[in-house]
Amino acid sequence: REFETDHHKIHIPVGDLVEALPHAI
């Protein structure tokens, strides 16, 4: 807000986190 950016918030539920673990590894 302070610097008027084009801001994108990304929320990841825990199920998506677990699904992504093998890909990250």
mmCIF file of all heavy atoms, coordinates in Angstrom:
data_MODEL
# 
_entry.id   MODEL 
# 
loop_
_atom_site.group_PDB 
_atom_site.id 
_atom_site.type_symbol 
_atom_site.label_atom_id 
_atom_site.label_alt_id 
_atom_site.label_comp_id 
_atom_site.label_asym_id 
_atom_site.label_entity_id 
_atom_site.label_seq_id 
_atom_site.pdbx_PDB_ins_code 
_atom_site.Cartn_x 
_atom_site.Cartn_y 
_atom_site.Cartn_z 
_atom_site.occupancy 
_atom_site.B_iso_or_equiv 
_atom_site.pdbx_formal_charge 
_atom_site.auth_seq_id 
_atom_site.auth_comp_id 
_atom_site.auth_asym_id 
_atom_site.auth_atom_id 
_atom_site.pdbx_PDB_model_num 
ATOM 1   N N   . ARG A 1 1  ? 0.844  -1.218  0.000   1.00 0.00 ? 1  ARG A N   1 
ATOM 2   C CA  . ARG A 1 1  ? 0.000  0.000   0.000   1.00 0.00 ? 1  ARG A CA  1 
ATOM 3   C C   . ARG A 1 1  ? 0.871  1.258   0.000   1.00 0.00 ? 1  ARG A C   1 
ATOM 4   O O   . ARG A 1 1  ? 0.601  2.217   -0.731  1.00 0.00 ? 1  ARG A O   1 
ATOM 5   C CB  . ARG A 1 1  ? -0.915 0.004   1.226   1.00 0.00 ? 1  ARG A CB  1 
ATOM 6   C CG  . ARG A 1 1  ? -2.076 -0.967  1.156   1.00 0.00 ? 1  ARG A CG  1 
ATOM 7   C CD  . ARG A 1 1  ? -3.112 -0.655  2.228   1.00 0.00 ? 1  ARG A CD  1 
ATOM 8   N NE  . ARG A 1 1  ? -2.526 -0.659  3.575   1.00 0.00 ? 1  ARG A NE  1 
ATOM 9   C CZ  . ARG A 1 1  ? -2.451 -1.758  4.348   1.00 0.00 ? 1  ARG A CZ  1 
ATOM 10  N NH1 . ARG A 1 1  ? -2.913 -2.920  3.911   1.00 0.00 ? 1  ARG A NH1 1 
ATOM 11  N NH2 . ARG A 1 1  ? -1.923 -1.686  5.553   1.00 0.00 ? 1  ARG A NH2 1 
ATOM 12  N N   . GLU A 1 2  ? 1.919  1.235   0.822   1.00 0.00 ? 2  GLU A N   1 
ATOM 13  C CA  . GLU A 1 2  ? 2.779  2.412   0.959   1.00 0.00 ? 2  GLU A CA  1 
ATOM 14  C C   . GLU A 1 2  ? 3.391  2.829   -0.376  1.00 0.00 ? 2  GLU A C   1 
ATOM 15  O O   . GLU A 1 2  ? 3.483  4.014   -0.693  1.00 0.00 ? 2  GLU A O   1 
ATOM 16  C CB  . GLU A 1 2  ? 3.886  2.124   1.987   1.00 0.00 ? 2  GLU A CB  1 
ATOM 17  C CG  . GLU A 1 2  ? 4.898  3.231   2.167   1.00 0.00 ? 2  GLU A CG  1 
ATOM 18  C CD  . GLU A 1 2  ? 4.369  4.392   2.996   1.00 0.00 ? 2  GLU A CD  1 
ATOM 19  O OE1 . GLU A 1 2  ? 3.314  4.242   3.662   1.00 0.00 ? 2  GLU A OE1 1 
ATOM 20  O OE2 . GLU A 1 2  ? 5.014  5.469   2.966   1.00 0.00 ? 2  GLU A OE2 1 
ATOM 21  N N   . PHE A 1 3  ? 3.801  1.805   -1.170  1.00 0.00 ? 3  PHE A N   1 
ATOM 22  C CA  . PHE A 1 3  ? 4.527  2.106   -2.406  1.00 0.00 ? 3  PHE A CA  1 
ATOM 23  C C   . PHE A 1 3  ? 3.710  1.792   -3.660  1.00 0.00 ? 3  PHE A C   1 
ATOM 24  O O   . PHE A 1 3  ? 4.245  1.787   -4.765  1.00 0.00 ? 3  PHE A O   1 
ATOM 25  C CB  . PHE A 1 3  ? 5.860  1.358   -2.411  1.00 0.00 ? 3  PHE A CB  1 
ATOM 26  C CG  . PHE A 1 3  ? 6.751  1.772   -1.266  1.00 0.00 ? 3  PHE A CG  1 
ATOM 27  C CD1 . PHE A 1 3  ? 6.938  0.923   -0.178  1.00 0.00 ? 3  PHE A CD1 1 
ATOM 28  C CD2 . PHE A 1 3  ? 7.346  3.018   -1.251  1.00 0.00 ? 3  PHE A CD2 1 
ATOM 29  C CE1 . PHE A 1 3  ? 7.733  1.308   0.898   1.00 0.00 ? 3  PHE A CE1 1 
ATOM 30  C CE2 . PHE A 1 3  ? 8.141  3.414   -0.185  1.00 0.00 ? 3  PHE A CE2 1 
ATOM 31  C CZ  . PHE A 1 3  ? 8.335  2.567   0.895   1.00 0.00 ? 3  PHE A CZ  1 
ATOM 32  N N   . GLU A 1 4  ? 2.399  1.550   -3.467  1.00 0.00 ? 4  GLU A N   1 
ATOM 33  C CA  . GLU A 1 4  ? 1.441  1.395   -4.567  1.00 0.00 ? 4  GLU A CA  1 
ATOM 34  C C   . GLU A 1 4  ? 1.920  0.367   -5.593  1.00 0.00 ? 4  GLU A C   1 
ATOM 35  O O   . GLU A 1 4  ? 1.973  0.638   -6.796  1.00 0.00 ? 4  GLU A O   1 
ATOM 36  C CB  . GLU A 1 4  ? 1.194  2.757   -5.234  1.00 0.00 ? 4  GLU A CB  1 
ATOM 37  C CG  . GLU A 1 4  ? 0.609  3.782   -4.285  1.00 0.00 ? 4  GLU A CG  1 
ATOM 38  C CD  . GLU A 1 4  ? 0.361  5.122   -4.948  1.00 0.00 ? 4  GLU A CD  1 
ATOM 39  O OE1 . GLU A 1 4  ? 1.000  5.403   -5.994  1.00 0.00 ? 4  GLU A OE1 1 
ATOM 40  O OE2 . GLU A 1 4  ? -0.474 5.904   -4.438  1.00 0.00 ? 4  GLU A OE2 1 
ATOM 41  N N   . THR A 1 5  ? 2.274  -0.813  -5.083  1.00 0.00 ? 5  THR A N   1 
ATOM 42  C CA  . THR A 1 5  ? 2.727  -1.866  -5.980  1.00 0.00 ? 5  THR A CA  1 
ATOM 43  C C   . THR A 1 5  ? 1.537  -2.658  -6.523  1.00 0.00 ? 5  THR A C   1 
ATOM 44  O O   . THR A 1 5  ? 0.430  -2.607  -5.975  1.00 0.00 ? 5  THR A O   1 
ATOM 45  C CB  . THR A 1 5  ? 3.680  -2.845  -5.262  1.00 0.00 ? 5  THR A CB  1 
ATOM 46  O OG1 . THR A 1 5  ? 2.942  -3.682  -4.363  1.00 0.00 ? 5  THR A OG1 1 
ATOM 47  C CG2 . THR A 1 5  ? 4.766  -2.112  -4.509  1.00 0.00 ? 5  THR A CG2 1 
ATOM 48  N N   . ASP A 1 6  ? 1.785  -3.383  -7.568  1.00 0.00 ? 6  ASP A N   1 
ATOM 49  C CA  . ASP A 1 6  ? 0.806  -4.335  -8.120  1.00 0.00 ? 6  ASP A CA  1 
ATOM 50  C C   . ASP A 1 6  ? 1.029  -5.643  -7.365  1.00 0.00 ? 6  ASP A C   1 
ATOM 51  O O   . ASP A 1 6  ? 1.832  -6.479  -7.767  1.00 0.00 ? 6  ASP A O   1 
ATOM 52  C CB  . ASP A 1 6  ? 1.048  -4.497  -9.618  1.00 0.00 ? 6  ASP A CB  1 
ATOM 53  C CG  . ASP A 1 6  ? 0.149  -5.555  -10.244 1.00 0.00 ? 6  ASP A CG  1 
ATOM 54  O OD1 . ASP A 1 6  ? -0.873 -5.924  -9.622  1.00 0.00 ? 6  ASP A OD1 1 
ATOM 55  O OD2 . ASP A 1 6  ? 0.492  -6.038  -11.346 1.00 0.00 ? 6  ASP A OD2 1 
ATOM 56  N N   . HIS A 1 7  ? 0.303  -5.777  -6.245  1.00 0.00 ? 7  HIS A N   1 
ATOM 57  C CA  . HIS A 1 7  ? 0.653  -6.821  -5.273  1.00 0.00 ? 7  HIS A CA  1 
ATOM 58  C C   . HIS A 1 7  ? -0.177 -8.088  -5.471  1.00 0.00 ? 7  HIS A C   1 
ATOM 59  O O   . HIS A 1 7  ? -1.391 -8.026  -5.716  1.00 0.00 ? 7  HIS A O   1 
ATOM 60  C CB  . HIS A 1 7  ? 0.451  -6.300  -3.856  1.00 0.00 ? 7  HIS A CB  1 
ATOM 61  C CG  . HIS A 1 7  ? 1.008  -7.218  -2.809  1.00 0.00 ? 7  HIS A CG  1 
ATOM 62  N ND1 . HIS A 1 7  ? 2.291  -7.711  -2.860  1.00 0.00 ? 7  HIS A ND1 1 
ATOM 63  C CD2 . HIS A 1 7  ? 0.445  -7.741  -1.680  1.00 0.00 ? 7  HIS A CD2 1 
ATOM 64  C CE1 . HIS A 1 7  ? 2.496  -8.482  -1.812  1.00 0.00 ? 7  HIS A CE1 1 
ATOM 65  N NE2 . HIS A 1 7  ? 1.393  -8.518  -1.084  1.00 0.00 ? 7  HIS A NE2 1 
ATOM 66  N N   . HIS A 1 8  ? 0.501  -9.232  -5.342  1.00 0.00 ? 8  HIS A N   1 
ATOM 67  C CA  . HIS A 1 8  ? -0.126 -10.539 -5.513  1.00 0.00 ? 8  HIS A CA  1 
ATOM 68  C C   . HIS A 1 8  ? 0.120  -11.370 -4.249  1.00 0.00 ? 8  HIS A C   1 
ATOM 69  O O   . HIS A 1 8  ? 1.264  -11.677 -3.925  1.00 0.00 ? 8  HIS A O   1 
ATOM 70  C CB  . HIS A 1 8  ? 0.465  -11.263 -6.728  1.00 0.00 ? 8  HIS A CB  1 
ATOM 71  C CG  . HIS A 1 8  ? 0.423  -10.456 -7.988  1.00 0.00 ? 8  HIS A CG  1 
ATOM 72  N ND1 . HIS A 1 8  ? -0.545 -10.624 -8.952  1.00 0.00 ? 8  HIS A ND1 1 
ATOM 73  C CD2 . HIS A 1 8  ? 1.224  -9.448  -8.439  1.00 0.00 ? 8  HIS A CD2 1 
ATOM 74  C CE1 . HIS A 1 8  ? -0.331 -9.782  -9.949  1.00 0.00 ? 8  HIS A CE1 1 
ATOM 75  N NE2 . HIS A 1 8  ? 0.736  -9.050  -9.655  1.00 0.00 ? 8  HIS A NE2 1 
ATOM 76  N N   . LYS A 1 9  ? -0.970 -11.716 -3.568  1.00 0.00 ? 9  LYS A N   1 
ATOM 77  C CA  . LYS A 1 9  ? -0.879 -12.571 -2.382  1.00 0.00 ? 9  LYS A CA  1 
ATOM 78  C C   . LYS A 1 9  ? -1.251 -13.998 -2.771  1.00 0.00 ? 9  LYS A C   1 
ATOM 79  O O   . LYS A 1 9  ? -2.293 -14.216 -3.381  1.00 0.00 ? 9  LYS A O   1 
ATOM 80  C CB  . LYS A 1 9  ? -1.807 -12.079 -1.275  1.00 0.00 ? 9  LYS A CB  1 
ATOM 81  C CG  . LYS A 1 9  ? -1.322 -10.850 -0.566  1.00 0.00 ? 9  LYS A CG  1 
ATOM 82  C CD  . LYS A 1 9  ? -2.039 -10.610 0.751   1.00 0.00 ? 9  LYS A CD  1 
ATOM 83  C CE  . LYS A 1 9  ? -3.510 -10.375 0.583   1.00 0.00 ? 9  LYS A CE  1 
ATOM 84  N NZ  . LYS A 1 9  ? -4.149 -9.972  1.866   1.00 0.00 ? 9  LYS A NZ  1 
ATOM 85  N N   . ILE A 1 10 ? -0.419 -14.933 -2.370  1.00 0.00 ? 10 ILE A N   1 
ATOM 86  C CA  . ILE A 1 10 ? -0.623 -16.334 -2.716  1.00 0.00 ? 10 ILE A CA  1 
ATOM 87  C C   . ILE A 1 10 ? -0.750 -17.127 -1.424  1.00 0.00 ? 10 ILE A C   1 
ATOM 88  O O   . ILE A 1 10 ? 0.210  -17.204 -0.640  1.00 0.00 ? 10 ILE A O   1 
ATOM 89  C CB  . ILE A 1 10 ? 0.553  -16.869 -3.567  1.00 0.00 ? 10 ILE A CB  1 
ATOM 90  C CG1 . ILE A 1 10 ? 0.737  -15.999 -4.817  1.00 0.00 ? 10 ILE A CG1 1 
ATOM 91  C CG2 . ILE A 1 10 ? 0.342  -18.326 -3.925  1.00 0.00 ? 10 ILE A CG2 1 
ATOM 92  C CD1 . ILE A 1 10 ? 2.101  -16.128 -5.445  1.00 0.00 ? 10 ILE A CD1 1 
ATOM 93  N N   . HIS A 1 11 ? -1.922 -17.695 -1.174  1.00 0.00 ? 11 HIS A N   1 
ATOM 94  C CA  . HIS A 1 11 ? -2.123 -18.524 0.014   1.00 0.00 ? 11 HIS A CA  1 
ATOM 95  C C   . HIS A 1 11 ? -2.143 -19.991 -0.386  1.00 0.00 ? 11 HIS A C   1 
ATOM 96  O O   . HIS A 1 11 ? -2.858 -20.385 -1.315  1.00 0.00 ? 11 HIS A O   1 
ATOM 97  C CB  . HIS A 1 11 ? -3.423 -18.165 0.741   1.00 0.00 ? 11 HIS A CB  1 
ATOM 98  C CG  . HIS A 1 11 ? -3.658 -19.017 1.952   1.00 0.00 ? 11 HIS A CG  1 
ATOM 99  N ND1 . HIS A 1 11 ? -4.429 -20.157 1.913   1.00 0.00 ? 11 HIS A ND1 1 
ATOM 100 C CD2 . HIS A 1 11 ? -3.183 -18.903 3.213   1.00 0.00 ? 11 HIS A CD2 1 
ATOM 101 C CE1 . HIS A 1 11 ? -4.432 -20.708 3.115   1.00 0.00 ? 11 HIS A CE1 1 
ATOM 102 N NE2 . HIS A 1 11 ? -3.690 -19.972 3.921   1.00 0.00 ? 11 HIS A NE2 1 
ATOM 103 N N   . ILE A 1 12 ? -1.360 -20.788 0.324   1.00 0.00 ? 12 ILE A N   1 
ATOM 104 C CA  . ILE A 1 12 ? -1.224 -22.214 0.004   1.00 0.00 ? 12 ILE A CA  1 
ATOM 105 C C   . ILE A 1 12 ? -1.794 -23.049 1.146   1.00 0.00 ? 12 ILE A C   1 
ATOM 106 O O   . ILE A 1 12 ? -1.260 -23.040 2.259   1.00 0.00 ? 12 ILE A O   1 
ATOM 107 C CB  . ILE A 1 12 ? 0.258  -22.591 -0.221  1.00 0.00 ? 12 ILE A CB  1 
ATOM 108 C CG1 . ILE A 1 12 ? 0.899  -21.700 -1.277  1.00 0.00 ? 12 ILE A CG1 1 
ATOM 109 C CG2 . ILE A 1 12 ? 0.382  -24.067 -0.585  1.00 0.00 ? 12 ILE A CG2 1 
ATOM 110 C CD1 . ILE A 1 12 ? 0.351  -21.860 -2.660  1.00 0.00 ? 12 ILE A CD1 1 
ATOM 111 N N   . PRO A 1 13 ? -2.871 -23.783 0.935   1.00 0.00 ? 13 PRO A N   1 
ATOM 112 C CA  . PRO A 1 13 ? -3.375 -24.684 1.979   1.00 0.00 ? 13 PRO A CA  1 
ATOM 113 C C   . PRO A 1 13 ? -2.409 -25.834 2.215   1.00 0.00 ? 13 PRO A C   1 
ATOM 114 O O   . PRO A 1 13 ? -1.599 -26.176 1.347   1.00 0.00 ? 13 PRO A O   1 
ATOM 115 C CB  . PRO A 1 13 ? -4.712 -25.169 1.426   1.00 0.00 ? 13 PRO A CB  1 
ATOM 116 C CG  . PRO A 1 13 ? -4.621 -24.968 -0.042  1.00 0.00 ? 13 PRO A CG  1 
ATOM 117 C CD  . PRO A 1 13 ? -3.702 -23.806 -0.272  1.00 0.00 ? 13 PRO A CD  1 
ATOM 118 N N   . VAL A 1 14 ? -2.495 -26.455 3.380   1.00 0.00 ? 14 VAL A N   1 
ATOM 119 C CA  . VAL A 1 14 ? -1.520 -27.476 3.761   1.00 0.00 ? 14 VAL A CA  1 
ATOM 120 C C   . VAL A 1 14 ? -1.536 -28.656 2.791   1.00 0.00 ? 14 VAL A C   1 
ATOM 121 O O   . VAL A 1 14 ? -0.498 -29.274 2.529   1.00 0.00 ? 14 VAL A O   1 
ATOM 122 C CB  . VAL A 1 14 ? -1.757 -27.940 5.214   1.00 0.00 ? 14 VAL A CB  1 
ATOM 123 C CG1 . VAL A 1 14 ? -3.062 -28.720 5.347   1.00 0.00 ? 14 VAL A CG1 1 
ATOM 124 C CG2 . VAL A 1 14 ? -0.584 -28.764 5.717   1.00 0.00 ? 14 VAL A CG2 1 
ATOM 125 N N   . GLY A 1 15 ? -2.679 -28.967 2.209   1.00 0.00 ? 15 GLY A N   1 
ATOM 126 C CA  . GLY A 1 15 ? -2.738 -30.076 1.257   1.00 0.00 ? 15 GLY A CA  1 
ATOM 127 C C   . GLY A 1 15 ? -1.877 -29.814 0.030   1.00 0.00 ? 15 GLY A C   1 
ATOM 128 O O   . GLY A 1 15 ? -1.186 -30.714 -0.467  1.00 0.00 ? 15 GLY A O   1 
ATOM 129 N N   . ASP A 1 16 ? -1.900 -28.580 -0.453  1.00 0.00 ? 16 ASP A N   1 
ATOM 130 C CA  . ASP A 1 16 ? -1.066 -28.228 -1.609  1.00 0.00 ? 16 ASP A CA  1 
ATOM 131 C C   . ASP A 1 16 ? 0.409  -28.252 -1.250  1.00 0.00 ? 16 ASP A C   1 
ATOM 132 O O   . ASP A 1 16 ? 1.262  -28.593 -2.075  1.00 0.00 ? 16 ASP A O   1 
ATOM 133 C CB  . ASP A 1 16 ? -1.446 -26.843 -2.128  1.00 0.00 ? 16 ASP A CB  1 
ATOM 134 C CG  . ASP A 1 16 ? -2.812 -26.821 -2.793  1.00 0.00 ? 16 ASP A CG  1 
ATOM 135 O OD1 . ASP A 1 16 ? -3.461 -27.884 -2.866  1.00 0.00 ? 16 ASP A OD1 1 
ATOM 136 O OD2 . ASP A 1 16 ? -3.240 -25.738 -3.233  1.00 0.00 ? 16 ASP A OD2 1 
ATOM 137 N N   . LEU A 1 17 ? 0.702  -27.877 -0.001  1.00 0.00 ? 17 LEU A N   1 
ATOM 138 C CA  . LEU A 1 17 ? 2.093  -27.910 0.461   1.00 0.00 ? 17 LEU A CA  1 
ATOM 139 C C   . LEU A 1 17 ? 2.642  -29.326 0.416   1.00 0.00 ? 17 LEU A C   1 
ATOM 140 O O   . LEU A 1 17 ? 3.736  -29.578 -0.107  1.00 0.00 ? 17 LEU A O   1 
ATOM 141 C CB  . LEU A 1 17 ? 2.175  -27.354 1.880   1.00 0.00 ? 17 LEU A CB  1 
ATOM 142 C CG  . LEU A 1 17 ? 3.529  -27.453 2.578   1.00 0.00 ? 17 LEU A CG  1 
ATOM 143 C CD1 . LEU A 1 17 ? 4.524  -26.507 1.946   1.00 0.00 ? 17 LEU A CD1 1 
ATOM 144 C CD2 . LEU A 1 17 ? 3.380  -27.145 4.070   1.00 0.00 ? 17 LEU A CD2 1 
ATOM 145 N N   . VAL A 1 18 ? 1.891  -30.266 0.931   1.00 0.00 ? 18 VAL A N   1 
ATOM 146 C CA  . VAL A 1 18 ? 2.337  -31.660 0.955   1.00 0.00 ? 18 VAL A CA  1 
ATOM 147 C C   . VAL A 1 18 ? 2.479  -32.189 -0.472  1.00 0.00 ? 18 VAL A C   1 
ATOM 148 O O   . VAL A 1 18 ? 3.439  -32.888 -0.803  1.00 0.00 ? 18 VAL A O   1 
ATOM 149 C CB  . VAL A 1 18 ? 1.363  -32.532 1.773   1.00 0.00 ? 18 VAL A CB  1 
ATOM 150 C CG1 . VAL A 1 18 ? 1.747  -34.005 1.691   1.00 0.00 ? 18 VAL A CG1 1 
ATOM 151 C CG2 . VAL A 1 18 ? 1.342  -32.062 3.227   1.00 0.00 ? 18 VAL A CG2 1 
ATOM 152 N N   . GLU A 1 19 ? 1.549  -31.828 -1.325  1.00 0.00 ? 19 GLU A N   1 
ATOM 153 C CA  . GLU A 1 19 ? 1.606  -32.276 -2.717  1.00 0.00 ? 19 GLU A CA  1 
ATOM 154 C C   . GLU A 1 19 ? 2.851  -31.735 -3.423  1.00 0.00 ? 19 GLU A C   1 
ATOM 155 O O   . GLU A 1 19 ? 3.419  -32.389 -4.307  1.00 0.00 ? 19 GLU A O   1 
ATOM 156 C CB  . GLU A 1 19 ? 0.347  -31.799 -3.446  1.00 0.00 ? 19 GLU A CB  1 
ATOM 157 C CG  . GLU A 1 19 ? 0.248  -32.255 -4.888  1.00 0.00 ? 19 GLU A CG  1 
ATOM 158 C CD  . GLU A 1 19 ? -1.017 -31.747 -5.552  1.00 0.00 ? 19 GLU A CD  1 
ATOM 159 O OE1 . GLU A 1 19 ? -2.065 -31.699 -4.869  1.00 0.00 ? 19 GLU A OE1 1 
ATOM 160 O OE2 . GLU A 1 19 ? -0.953 -31.391 -6.744  1.00 0.00 ? 19 GLU A OE2 1 
ATOM 161 N N   . ALA A 1 20 ? 3.295  -30.537 -3.017  1.00 0.00 ? 20 ALA A N   1 
ATOM 162 C CA  . ALA A 1 20 ? 4.451  -29.917 -3.671  1.00 0.00 ? 20 ALA A CA  1 
ATOM 163 C C   . ALA A 1 20 ? 5.784  -30.445 -3.157  1.00 0.00 ? 20 ALA A C   1 
ATOM 164 O O   . ALA A 1 20 ? 6.811  -30.266 -3.822  1.00 0.00 ? 20 ALA A O   1 
ATOM 165 C CB  . ALA A 1 20 ? 4.402  -28.404 -3.485  1.00 0.00 ? 20 ALA A CB  1 
ATOM 166 N N   . LEU A 1 21 ? 5.804  -31.080 -1.991  1.00 0.00 ? 21 LEU A N   1 
ATOM 167 C CA  . LEU A 1 21 ? 7.079  -31.507 -1.403  1.00 0.00 ? 21 LEU A CA  1 
ATOM 168 C C   . LEU A 1 21 ? 7.914  -32.386 -2.339  1.00 0.00 ? 21 LEU A C   1 
ATOM 169 O O   . LEU A 1 21 ? 9.115  -32.124 -2.519  1.00 0.00 ? 21 LEU A O   1 
ATOM 170 C CB  . LEU A 1 21 ? 6.831  -32.228 -0.071  1.00 0.00 ? 21 LEU A CB  1 
ATOM 171 C CG  . LEU A 1 21 ? 6.628  -31.336 1.150   1.00 0.00 ? 21 LEU A CG  1 
ATOM 172 C CD1 . LEU A 1 21 ? 6.192  -32.166 2.347   1.00 0.00 ? 21 LEU A CD1 1 
ATOM 173 C CD2 . LEU A 1 21 ? 7.895  -30.559 1.465   1.00 0.00 ? 21 LEU A CD2 1 
ATOM 174 N N   . PRO A 1 22 ? 7.353  -33.424 -2.950  1.00 0.00 ? 22 PRO A N   1 
ATOM 175 C CA  . PRO A 1 22 ? 8.189  -34.236 -3.851  1.00 0.00 ? 22 PRO A CA  1 
ATOM 176 C C   . PRO A 1 22 ? 8.752  -33.440 -5.013  1.00 0.00 ? 22 PRO A C   1 
ATOM 177 O O   . PRO A 1 22 ? 9.882  -33.685 -5.461  1.00 0.00 ? 22 PRO A O   1 
ATOM 178 C CB  . PRO A 1 22 ? 7.223  -35.326 -4.338  1.00 0.00 ? 22 PRO A CB  1 
ATOM 179 C CG  . PRO A 1 22 ? 6.140  -35.383 -3.315  1.00 0.00 ? 22 PRO A CG  1 
ATOM 180 C CD  . PRO A 1 22 ? 5.989  -33.985 -2.814  1.00 0.00 ? 22 PRO A CD  1 
ATOM 181 N N   . HIS A 1 23 ? 7.994  -32.454 -5.521  1.00 0.00 ? 23 HIS A N   1 
ATOM 182 C CA  . HIS A 1 23 ? 8.477  -31.631 -6.623  1.00 0.00 ? 23 HIS A CA  1 
ATOM 183 C C   . HIS A 1 23 ? 9.639  -30.747 -6.176  1.00 0.00 ? 23 HIS A C   1 
ATOM 184 O O   . HIS A 1 23 ? 10.628 -30.575 -6.905  1.00 0.00 ? 23 HIS A O   1 
ATOM 185 C CB  . HIS A 1 23 ? 7.340  -30.771 -7.173  1.00 0.00 ? 23 HIS A CB  1 
ATOM 186 C CG  . HIS A 1 23 ? 6.188  -31.554 -7.702  1.00 0.00 ? 23 HIS A CG  1 
ATOM 187 N ND1 . HIS A 1 23 ? 6.232  -32.236 -8.903  1.00 0.00 ? 23 HIS A ND1 1 
ATOM 188 C CD2 . HIS A 1 23 ? 4.954  -31.780 -7.186  1.00 0.00 ? 23 HIS A CD2 1 
ATOM 189 C CE1 . HIS A 1 23 ? 5.080  -32.838 -9.110  1.00 0.00 ? 23 HIS A CE1 1 
ATOM 190 N NE2 . HIS A 1 23 ? 4.288  -32.579 -8.082  1.00 0.00 ? 23 HIS A NE2 1 
ATOM 191 N N   . ALA A 1 24 ? 9.521  -30.185 -4.973  1.00 0.00 ? 24 ALA A N   1 
ATOM 192 C CA  . ALA A 1 24 ? 10.607 -29.356 -4.453  1.00 0.00 ? 24 ALA A CA  1 
ATOM 193 C C   . ALA A 1 24 ? 11.865 -30.182 -4.237  1.00 0.00 ? 24 ALA A C   1 
ATOM 194 O O   . ALA A 1 24 ? 12.978 -29.744 -4.567  1.00 0.00 ? 24 ALA A O   1 
ATOM 195 C CB  . ALA A 1 24 ? 10.177 -28.687 -3.148  1.00 0.00 ? 24 ALA A CB  1 
ATOM 196 N N   . ILE A 1 25 ? 11.713 -31.383 -3.712  1.00 0.00 ? 25 ILE A N   1 
ATOM 197 C CA  . ILE A 1 25 ? 12.866 -32.260 -3.488  1.00 0.00 ? 25 ILE A CA  1 
ATOM 198 C C   . ILE A 1 25 ? 13.504 -32.649 -4.817  1.00 0.00 ? 25 ILE A C   1 
ATOM 199 O O   . ILE A 1 25 ? 14.731 -32.707 -4.949  1.00 0.00 ? 25 ILE A O   1 
ATOM 200 C CB  . ILE A 1 25 ? 12.437 -33.489 -2.666  1.00 0.00 ? 25 ILE A CB  1 
ATOM 201 C CG1 . ILE A 1 25 ? 12.053 -33.057 -1.251  1.00 0.00 ? 25 ILE A CG1 1 
ATOM 202 C CG2 . ILE A 1 25 ? 13.548 -34.544 -2.637  1.00 0.00 ? 25 ILE A CG2 1 
ATOM 203 C CD1 . ILE A 1 25 ? 11.314 -34.107 -0.455  1.00 0.00 ? 25 ILE A CD1 1 
# 
